[in-house]
């Protein structure tokens, strides 16, 4: 077959046919990862940031192998199309202020169903090991003598940022990205800050700050960073429902982002990004100079780029 004919065939190949072919190629590799002893298996499965197309082939295979799926609220329900027809779906979702089932009960249920002989999958949004409490569930399974396969997922800290045209690292602007949870910014009644991040180190780091689950603490987070010397003019963005059709982005600066988010009535799940890289895609950075600034960004050296975005 010549190249033009091959290209023509690819053009008209349906997406589900392509997926079937890809799964056929991956099947032997995935099967080698399963428990060869035939004992009950457990899976911790990352379902990605929201858009179904971020679901990995490995996750599809794991979902299809399960008798029981324990599913979080933020998981796109389209992923259940890959589950077996007789698979039992158990909702164990957790969201800010709303928990269907406490974490300890989820872990106990996970262990119980595996020990009863079922193949059990724990479906989590994003990646199970990035603020997904997957490590706790893995340890609970190990303590019970249960082998667990970890199926990584695409985390929102990368995918939602990319969907908003924000690179979390960029030469000359940010040589690192720091992921942290906004839950730790909540002050305790006793004033104990032992679980707090080192705000001074974060403010001094010139790292892009990617903050999960921090929407309700955004004003507190902004204030702490500014009190540690981070400029109120530092670009910032908040992304609600990143990568999905409901995605909403609010851009601003550290000094006004909390106000803007309140005005726009953003809700959870939302991701906060703070750092110069936000200016690479932000509308505010283009309002005054338009295309001239884009040309500057495209052609500047790292040193010039830093000066331009200050």
Foldseek 3Di string as FASTA:
>chain_A
DDPVVVVVVVVPDDPVNVLVVVLVVCVVVLVVLDDPVLAAEEEEAECELQPNVQGDSSRLVLQQQFQEEEEEPRHHPVSNVSHDPNRHYHYQYDDVVDTPDDPVVVLVVRQVVSVVGTHYYYYDYAFCPQPNCNVVSCVSCVVVVHDYHYHGGHHCLQQLCVLLVFHQDDPLQAPAADEEELVLLDADPVRDNPSPDPLLCVLPPSGKYKYWPNLVVLVSSLVSNVVSPRDQQWKKKKWASGPDPPIDMDIGGSVCRNVRCVVVVGDPPMMMITTLSCLLRDPVVQPPPHVVVVVCCVPDDSVVNVVSSD
